[in-house]
Amino acid sequence: MLASVIRFSNTDRRRLARCCHALSDETRLRILERLWAGERCVCELTAALGVGQSRLSFHLKTLKEAALVRDRREGRFMYYSIDREALAELGELLGRVGARTPHPLPVLPLLAPLWASINQLPLIQWLLREKPIWTS
């Protein structure tokens, strides 16, 4: 029955792919964990994460391109914060991917171990409104 197949618009598919790419790196997840507490200056993030400014800028650019973070300039400093509306939208898209259907996508069982770990992160729990969508 085709009604059970998950369908995404081209826009949603691209958005989900960009976000999944952005969330696929441990350093970017660490950045999001720091930003969860509130807006941070690049210099604060550099010190807290123990990474160079060039590497941090690369990761922040990836998060910004995925529309997961916002930036603002104040004088010569750049400040970053989480875009909570974008995260809520991502949560909705992830919910559609992980929803149980009579005909699940063949790739989902392969992702079960990864999803089980990711699903435990506080940021992901918030995204999914603390309702795990995938259980092993």
C-alpha atoms as a PDB file:
ATOM      1  CA  MET A   1       0.000   0.000   0.000  1.00  0.00           C
ATOM      2  CA  LEU A   2       1.659   3.234  -1.116  1.00  0.00           C
ATOM      3  CA  ALA A   3      -0.120   5.367   1.499  1.00  0.00           C
ATOM      4  CA  SER A   4       2.420   4.162   4.080  1.00  0.00           C
ATOM      5  CA  VAL A   5       5.456   5.387   2.142  1.00  0.00           C
ATOM      6  CA  ILE A   6       7.145   8.482   3.530  1.00  0.00           C
ATOM      7  CA  ARG A   7       7.112  11.288   0.992  1.00  0.00           C
ATOM      8  CA  PHE A   8       9.138  14.476   1.223  1.00  0.00           C
ATOM      9  CA  SER A   9       9.056  17.523  -0.959  1.00  0.00           C
ATOM     10  CA  ASN A  10      12.362  18.306  -2.677  1.00  0.00           C
ATOM     11  CA  THR A  11      12.811  21.190  -0.242  1.00  0.00           C
ATOM     12  CA  ASP A  12      12.236  18.992   2.817  1.00  0.00           C
ATOM     13  CA  ARG A  13      14.548  16.312   1.436  1.00  0.00           C
ATOM     14  CA  ARG A  14      17.360  18.831   0.897  1.00  0.00           C
ATOM     15  CA  ARG A  15      16.748  20.373   4.326  1.00  0.00           C
ATOM     16  CA  LEU A  16      16.851  17.001   6.051  1.00  0.00           C
ATOM     17  CA  ALA A  17      20.027  16.007   4.201  1.00  0.00           C
ATOM     18  CA  ARG A  18      21.784  19.275   5.163  1.00  0.00           C
ATOM     19  CA  CYS A  19      20.728  18.910   8.798  1.00  0.00           C
ATOM     20  CA  CYS A  20      21.759  15.257   9.005  1.00  0.00           C
ATOM     21  CA  HIS A  21      25.142  16.182   7.544  1.00  0.00           C
ATOM     22  CA  ALA A  22      25.512  18.992  10.079  1.00  0.00           C
ATOM     23  CA  LEU A  23      24.605  16.667  12.962  1.00  0.00           C
ATOM     24  CA  SER A  24      26.920  13.888  11.759  1.00  0.00           C
ATOM     25  CA  ASP A  25      30.060  15.368  13.310  1.00  0.00           C
ATOM     26  CA  GLU A  26      30.992  15.103  16.989  1.00  0.00           C
ATOM     27  CA  THR A  27      32.525  18.594  17.068  1.00  0.00           C
ATOM     28  CA  ARG A  28      29.353  20.136  15.663  1.00  0.00           C
ATOM     29  CA  LEU A  29      27.290  18.293  18.277  1.00  0.00           C
ATOM     30  CA  ARG A  30      29.612  19.667  20.961  1.00  0.00           C
ATOM     31  CA  ILE A  31      29.087  23.175  19.553  1.00  0.00           C
ATOM     32  CA  LEU A  32      25.306  22.727  19.702  1.00  0.00           C
ATOM     33  CA  GLU A  33      25.574  21.493  23.294  1.00  0.00           C
ATOM     34  CA  ARG A  34      27.436  24.693  24.227  1.00  0.00           C
ATOM     35  CA  LEU A  35      24.979  26.894  22.353  1.00  0.00           C
ATOM     36  CA  TRP A  36      22.050  25.156  24.031  1.00  0.00           C
ATOM     37  CA  ALA A  37      22.818  27.205  27.166  1.00  0.00           C
ATOM     38  CA  GLY A  38      22.604  30.442  25.166  1.00  0.00           C
ATOM     39  CA  GLU A  39      24.394  32.685  22.726  1.00  0.00           C
ATOM     40  CA  ARG A  40      28.185  32.359  22.652  1.00  0.00           C
ATOM     41  CA  CYS A  41      31.022  34.327  21.121  1.00  0.00           C
ATOM     42  CA  VAL A  42      33.412  32.461  18.817  1.00  0.00           C
ATOM     43  CA  CYS A  43      36.234  33.146  21.282  1.00  0.00           C
ATOM     44  CA  GLU A  44      34.229  31.460  24.089  1.00  0.00           C
ATOM     45  CA  LEU A  45      33.534  28.432  21.918  1.00  0.00           C
ATOM     46  CA  THR A  46      37.173  28.170  20.860  1.00  0.00           C
ATOM     47  CA  ALA A  47      38.335  28.095  24.477  1.00  0.00           C
ATOM     48  CA  ALA A  48      35.567  25.792  25.715  1.00  0.00           C
ATOM     49  CA  LEU A  49      35.988  23.236  22.931  1.00  0.00           C
ATOM     50  CA  GLY A  50      39.767  23.417  22.662  1.00  0.00           C
ATOM     51  CA  VAL A  51      39.724  23.801  18.879  1.00  0.00           C
ATOM     52  CA  GLY A  52      41.363  26.338  16.625  1.00  0.00           C
ATOM     53  CA  GLN A  53      39.373  29.264  15.279  1.00  0.00           C
ATOM     54  CA  SER A  54      39.738  28.082  11.678  1.00  0.00           C
ATOM     55  CA  ARG A  55      38.339  24.620  12.480  1.00  0.00           C
ATOM     56  CA  LEU A  56      35.563  26.118  14.611  1.00  0.00           C
ATOM     57  CA  SER A  57      34.609  28.544  11.829  1.00  0.00           C
ATOM     58  CA  PHE A  58      34.338  25.650   9.372  1.00  0.00           C
ATOM     59  CA  HIS A  59      31.951  23.789  11.700  1.00  0.00           C
ATOM     60  CA  LEU A  60      29.903  26.903  12.493  1.00  0.00           C
ATOM     61  CA  LYS A  61      29.560  27.567   8.765  1.00  0.00           C
ATOM     62  CA  THR A  62      28.197  24.031   8.270  1.00  0.00           C
ATOM     63  CA  LEU A  63      25.696  24.510  11.115  1.00  0.00           C
ATOM     64  CA  LYS A  64      24.676  27.897   9.719  1.00  0.00           C
ATOM     65  CA  GLU A  65      24.216  26.508   6.181  1.00  0.00           C
ATOM     66  CA  ALA A  66      21.926  23.869   7.700  1.00  0.00           C
ATOM     67  CA  ALA A  67      20.037  26.755   9.363  1.00  0.00           C
ATOM     68  CA  LEU A  68      20.576  25.226  12.808  1.00  0.00           C
ATOM     69  CA  VAL A  69      22.371  28.285  14.193  1.00  0.00           C
ATOM     70  CA  ARG A  70      22.141  32.031  13.737  1.00  0.00           C
ATOM     71  CA  ASP A  71      24.935  34.533  13.929  1.00  0.00           C
ATOM     72  CA  ARG A  72      25.215  38.209  14.680  1.00  0.00           C
ATOM     73  CA  ARG A  73      28.126  40.611  14.687  1.00  0.00           C
ATOM     74  CA  GLU A  74      28.812  42.925  17.586  1.00  0.00           C
ATOM     75  CA  GLY A  75      31.812  45.076  16.854  1.00  0.00           C
ATOM     76  CA  ARG A  76      34.586  42.715  15.818  1.00  0.00           C
ATOM     77  CA  PHE A  77      33.053  39.679  17.518  1.00  0.00           C
ATOM     78  CA  MET A  78      30.673  37.092  16.066  1.00  0.00           C
ATOM     79  CA  TYR A  79      28.044  35.543  18.302  1.00  0.00           C
ATOM     80  CA  TYR A  80      26.169  32.332  17.580  1.00  0.00           C
ATOM     81  CA  SER A  81      22.927  30.924  18.941  1.00  0.00           C
ATOM     82  CA  ILE A  82      20.678  27.973  18.211  1.00  0.00           C
ATOM     83  CA  ASP A  83      17.757  28.612  15.882  1.00  0.00           C
ATOM     84  CA  ARG A  84      15.061  26.900  17.949  1.00  0.00           C
ATOM     85  CA  GLU A  85      12.399  27.278  15.254  1.00  0.00           C
ATOM     86  CA  ALA A  86      14.640  25.458  12.791  1.00  0.00           C
ATOM     87  CA  LEU A  87      15.251  22.710  15.344  1.00  0.00           C
ATOM     88  CA  ALA A  88      11.522  22.297  15.877  1.00  0.00           C
ATOM     89  CA  GLU A  89      11.094  21.940  12.092  1.00  0.00           C
ATOM     90  CA  LEU A  90      13.907  19.387  12.023  1.00  0.00           C
ATOM     91  CA  GLY A  91      12.188  17.482  14.828  1.00  0.00           C
ATOM     92  CA  GLU A  92       9.043  17.279  12.714  1.00  0.00           C
ATOM     93  CA  LEU A  93      11.001  15.961   9.719  1.00  0.00           C
ATOM     94  CA  LEU A  94      12.829  13.405  11.880  1.00  0.00           C
ATOM     95  CA  GLY A  95       9.509  12.352  13.338  1.00  0.00           C
ATOM     96  CA  ARG A  96       8.244  11.593   9.852  1.00  0.00           C
ATOM     97  CA  VAL A  97      11.331   9.503   9.085  1.00  0.00           C
ATOM     98  CA  GLY A  98      11.119   7.529  12.302  1.00  0.00           C
ATOM     99  CA  ALA A  99       7.364   7.091  12.407  1.00  0.00           C
ATOM    100  CA  ARG A 100       6.320   3.482  12.539  1.00  0.00           C
ATOM    101  CA  THR A 101       4.502   2.468   9.397  1.00  0.00           C
ATOM    102  CA  PRO A 102       3.348  -0.922   8.097  1.00  0.00           C
ATOM    103  CA  HIS A 103       6.016  -0.613   5.367  1.00  0.00           C
ATOM    104  CA  PRO A 104       9.128   0.985   6.921  1.00  0.00           C
ATOM    105  CA  LEU A 105      11.892   2.203   4.718  1.00  0.00           C
ATOM    106  CA  PRO A 106      14.471  -0.577   4.182  1.00  0.00           C
ATOM    107  CA  VAL A 107      17.322   1.632   5.411  1.00  0.00           C
ATOM    108  CA  LEU A 108      15.806   2.319   8.847  1.00  0.00           C
ATOM    109  CA  PRO A 109      16.794  -1.030  10.423  1.00  0.00           C
ATOM    110  CA  LEU A 110      20.398  -0.364   9.382  1.00  0.00           C
ATOM    111  CA  LEU A 111      20.293   2.947  11.232  1.00  0.00           C
ATOM    112  CA  ALA A 112      18.847   1.496  14.467  1.00  0.00           C
ATOM    113  CA  PRO A 113      22.131   1.367  16.458  1.00  0.00           C
ATOM    114  CA  LEU A 114      23.097   4.902  15.383  1.00  0.00           C
ATOM    115  CA  TRP A 115      19.612   6.252  16.062  1.00  0.00           C
ATOM    116  CA  ALA A 116      19.516   4.606  19.507  1.00  0.00           C
ATOM    117  CA  SER A 117      22.657   6.565  20.508  1.00  0.00           C
ATOM    118  CA  ILE A 118      21.646   9.843  18.892  1.00  0.00           C
ATOM    119  CA  ASN A 119      18.167   9.601  20.378  1.00  0.00           C
ATOM    120  CA  GLN A 120      19.690   9.837  23.880  1.00  0.00           C
ATOM    121  CA  LEU A 121      21.329  13.256  23.308  1.00  0.00           C
ATOM    122  CA  PRO A 122      19.511  16.062  25.172  1.00  0.00           C
ATOM    123  CA  LEU A 123      19.323  18.159  22.015  1.00  0.00           C
ATOM    124  CA  ILE A 124      17.667  15.359  20.054  1.00  0.00           C
ATOM    125  CA  GLN A 125      15.322  14.601  22.948  1.00  0.00           C
ATOM    126  CA  TRP A 126      14.190  18.230  22.830  1.00  0.00           C
ATOM    127  CA  LEU A 127      13.796  18.037  19.059  1.00  0.00           C
ATOM    128  CA  LEU A 128      11.551  15.034  19.383  1.00  0.00           C
ATOM    129  CA  ARG A 129       9.741  16.552  22.356  1.00  0.00           C
ATOM    130  CA  GLU A 130      11.109  13.786  24.570  1.00  0.00           C
ATOM    131  CA  LYS A 131       9.203  11.086  22.717  1.00  0.00           C
ATOM    132  CA  PRO A 132      11.723   8.595  21.314  1.00  0.00           C
ATOM    133  CA  ILE A 133      10.639   7.561  17.837  1.00  0.00           C
ATOM    134  CA  TRP A 134      12.983   4.662  17.456  1.00  0.00           C
ATOM    135  CA  THR A 135      13.435   1.857  19.946  1.00  0.00           C
ATOM    136  CA  SER A 136      15.678  -1.117  19.468  1.00  0.00           C
END
